[in-house]
């Protein structure tokens, strides 16, 4: 069985209104990851990513950079305990 890592991520900075969610979804699909991304009322972007350790590591590096028009100031990463359905989606804001 292939090892799967699951991470819960909060990204702060200029990360809303700069195509961050669509970019995140595109990057995750490119890496074969499952999970979701959404905006939060506090201005952060929240995501859950799941997949092979190398793919998760690569995605975390990408999230620290963000798309060209974003300015990532901080990223919080913790383990995610819940199951993550296959596929990656953008969820409604909370």
C-alpha atoms as a PDB file:
ATOM      1  CA  UNK A   1       0.000   0.000   0.000  1.00  0.00           C
ATOM      2  CA  UNK A   2       1.263   3.459  -0.903  1.00  0.00           C
ATOM      3  CA  UNK A   3       1.862   5.803   2.027  1.00  0.00           C
ATOM      4  CA  UNK A   4      -0.423   8.838   2.059  1.00  0.00           C
ATOM      5  CA  UNK A   5       0.251  12.082   3.870  1.00  0.00           C
ATOM      6  CA  UNK A   6      -2.606  14.439   4.790  1.00  0.00           C
ATOM      7  CA  UNK A   7      -1.903  18.069   5.649  1.00  0.00           C
ATOM      8  CA  UNK A   8      -4.117  20.967   6.755  1.00  0.00           C
ATOM      9  CA  UNK A   9      -2.751  24.295   5.560  1.00  0.00           C
ATOM     10  CA  UNK A  10      -3.541  27.955   6.214  1.00  0.00           C
ATOM     11  CA  UNK A  11      -1.908  30.524   3.922  1.00  0.00           C
ATOM     12  CA  UNK A  12      -1.830  34.201   4.940  1.00  0.00           C
ATOM     13  CA  UNK A  13      -0.889  37.339   3.034  1.00  0.00           C
ATOM     14  CA  UNK A  14      -2.298  38.723  -0.211  1.00  0.00           C
ATOM     15  CA  UNK A  15      -3.916  35.410  -1.110  1.00  0.00           C
ATOM     16  CA  UNK A  16      -7.518  36.313  -1.927  1.00  0.00           C
ATOM     17  CA  UNK A  17      -8.592  37.906  -5.184  1.00  0.00           C
ATOM     18  CA  UNK A  18      -5.337  36.823  -6.851  1.00  0.00           C
ATOM     19  CA  UNK A  19      -6.409  33.483  -8.407  1.00  0.00           C
ATOM     20  CA  UNK A  20      -4.961  31.559  -5.441  1.00  0.00           C
ATOM     21  CA  UNK A  21      -7.713  28.934  -5.144  1.00  0.00           C
ATOM     22  CA  UNK A  22      -7.847  28.095  -8.860  1.00  0.00           C
ATOM     23  CA  UNK A  23      -4.047  28.023  -8.981  1.00  0.00           C
ATOM     24  CA  UNK A  24      -3.956  25.707  -5.940  1.00  0.00           C
ATOM     25  CA  UNK A  25      -6.466  23.351  -7.544  1.00  0.00           C
ATOM     26  CA  UNK A  26      -4.439  23.308 -10.776  1.00  0.00           C
ATOM     27  CA  UNK A  27      -1.171  22.599  -8.923  1.00  0.00           C
ATOM     28  CA  UNK A  28      -2.752  19.847  -6.803  1.00  0.00           C
ATOM     29  CA  UNK A  29      -4.207  18.101  -9.843  1.00  0.00           C
ATOM     30  CA  UNK A  30      -0.852  18.343 -11.628  1.00  0.00           C
ATOM     31  CA  UNK A  31       0.775  16.593  -8.636  1.00  0.00           C
ATOM     32  CA  UNK A  32      -1.976  13.969  -8.358  1.00  0.00           C
ATOM     33  CA  UNK A  33      -3.136  15.178  -4.946  1.00  0.00           C
ATOM     34  CA  UNK A  34      -6.574  14.947  -3.370  1.00  0.00           C
ATOM     35  CA  UNK A  35      -8.201  17.521  -1.118  1.00  0.00           C
ATOM     36  CA  UNK A  36      -9.777  20.934  -1.248  1.00  0.00           C
ATOM     37  CA  UNK A  37      -9.139  24.677  -0.977  1.00  0.00           C
ATOM     38  CA  UNK A  38     -11.313  27.608   0.152  1.00  0.00           C
ATOM     39  CA  UNK A  39     -11.164  31.248   1.220  1.00  0.00           C
ATOM     40  CA  UNK A  40     -11.789  32.196   4.853  1.00  0.00           C
ATOM     41  CA  UNK A  41     -13.413  35.369   6.146  1.00  0.00           C
ATOM     42  CA  UNK A  42     -10.202  36.263   8.014  1.00  0.00           C
ATOM     43  CA  UNK A  43      -8.418  36.720   4.658  1.00  0.00           C
ATOM     44  CA  UNK A  44      -6.512  33.456   4.688  1.00  0.00           C
ATOM     45  CA  UNK A  45      -6.764  30.538   2.284  1.00  0.00           C
ATOM     46  CA  UNK A  46      -7.350  27.114   3.851  1.00  0.00           C
ATOM     47  CA  UNK A  47      -6.502  23.835   2.152  1.00  0.00           C
ATOM     48  CA  UNK A  48      -6.314  20.133   2.832  1.00  0.00           C
ATOM     49  CA  UNK A  49      -3.920  18.155   0.657  1.00  0.00           C
ATOM     50  CA  UNK A  50      -3.390  14.416   0.568  1.00  0.00           C
ATOM     51  CA  UNK A  51      -1.103  12.198  -1.452  1.00  0.00           C
ATOM     52  CA  UNK A  52       2.345  10.672  -1.588  1.00  0.00           C
ATOM     53  CA  UNK A  53       4.928  12.335   0.697  1.00  0.00           C
ATOM     54  CA  UNK A  54       6.989  13.690  -2.253  1.00  0.00           C
ATOM     55  CA  UNK A  55       3.885  15.212  -3.895  1.00  0.00           C
ATOM     56  CA  UNK A  56       2.689  16.745  -0.609  1.00  0.00           C
ATOM     57  CA  UNK A  57       6.167  18.185   0.004  1.00  0.00           C
ATOM     58  CA  UNK A  58       6.231  19.669  -3.497  1.00  0.00           C
ATOM     59  CA  UNK A  59       2.772  21.195  -3.008  1.00  0.00           C
ATOM     60  CA  UNK A  60       3.778  22.783   0.296  1.00  0.00           C
ATOM     61  CA  UNK A  61       6.769  24.401  -1.432  1.00  0.00           C
ATOM     62  CA  UNK A  62       4.454  25.733  -4.154  1.00  0.00           C
ATOM     63  CA  UNK A  63       1.987  27.080  -1.570  1.00  0.00           C
ATOM     64  CA  UNK A  64       4.815  29.002   0.117  1.00  0.00           C
ATOM     65  CA  UNK A  65       5.342  30.817  -3.219  1.00  0.00           C
ATOM     66  CA  UNK A  66       1.772  31.074  -4.507  1.00  0.00           C
ATOM     67  CA  UNK A  67       0.733  32.295  -7.949  1.00  0.00           C
ATOM     68  CA  UNK A  68       2.519  35.318  -9.460  1.00  0.00           C
ATOM     69  CA  UNK A  69       0.086  37.978  -8.166  1.00  0.00           C
ATOM     70  CA  UNK A  70      -0.038  36.615  -4.592  1.00  0.00           C
ATOM     71  CA  UNK A  71       2.203  37.617  -1.697  1.00  0.00           C
ATOM     72  CA  UNK A  72       2.438  34.766   0.810  1.00  0.00           C
ATOM     73  CA  UNK A  73       3.433  36.089   4.242  1.00  0.00           C
ATOM     74  CA  UNK A  74       2.897  32.998   6.400  1.00  0.00           C
ATOM     75  CA  UNK A  75       1.920  29.360   6.098  1.00  0.00           C
ATOM     76  CA  UNK A  76       0.717  27.066   8.905  1.00  0.00           C
ATOM     77  CA  UNK A  77       0.858  23.320   8.314  1.00  0.00           C
ATOM     78  CA  UNK A  78      -0.522  20.590  10.557  1.00  0.00           C
ATOM     79  CA  UNK A  79      -1.510  16.962  10.132  1.00  0.00           C
ATOM     80  CA  UNK A  80      -5.079  16.266   8.957  1.00  0.00           C
ATOM     81  CA  UNK A  81      -6.677  13.281  10.654  1.00  0.00           C
ATOM     82  CA  UNK A  82      -9.879  12.877   8.631  1.00  0.00           C
ATOM     83  CA  UNK A  83     -10.277  10.931   5.397  1.00  0.00           C
ATOM     84  CA  UNK A  84      -9.817  12.891   2.177  1.00  0.00           C
ATOM     85  CA  UNK A  85     -11.976  11.879  -0.819  1.00  0.00           C
ATOM     86  CA  UNK A  86     -10.259  11.336  -4.164  1.00  0.00           C
ATOM     87  CA  UNK A  87      -9.981  14.378  -6.404  1.00  0.00           C
ATOM     88  CA  UNK A  88      -9.367  18.045  -5.640  1.00  0.00           C
ATOM     89  CA  UNK A  89     -12.001  20.756  -5.444  1.00  0.00           C
ATOM     90  CA  UNK A  90     -12.537  24.396  -4.564  1.00  0.00           C
ATOM     91  CA  UNK A  91     -15.039  24.681  -1.723  1.00  0.00           C
ATOM     92  CA  UNK A  92     -17.276  27.676  -0.895  1.00  0.00           C
ATOM     93  CA  UNK A  93     -15.763  30.344   1.329  1.00  0.00           C
ATOM     94  CA  UNK A  94     -16.334  30.235   5.084  1.00  0.00           C
END
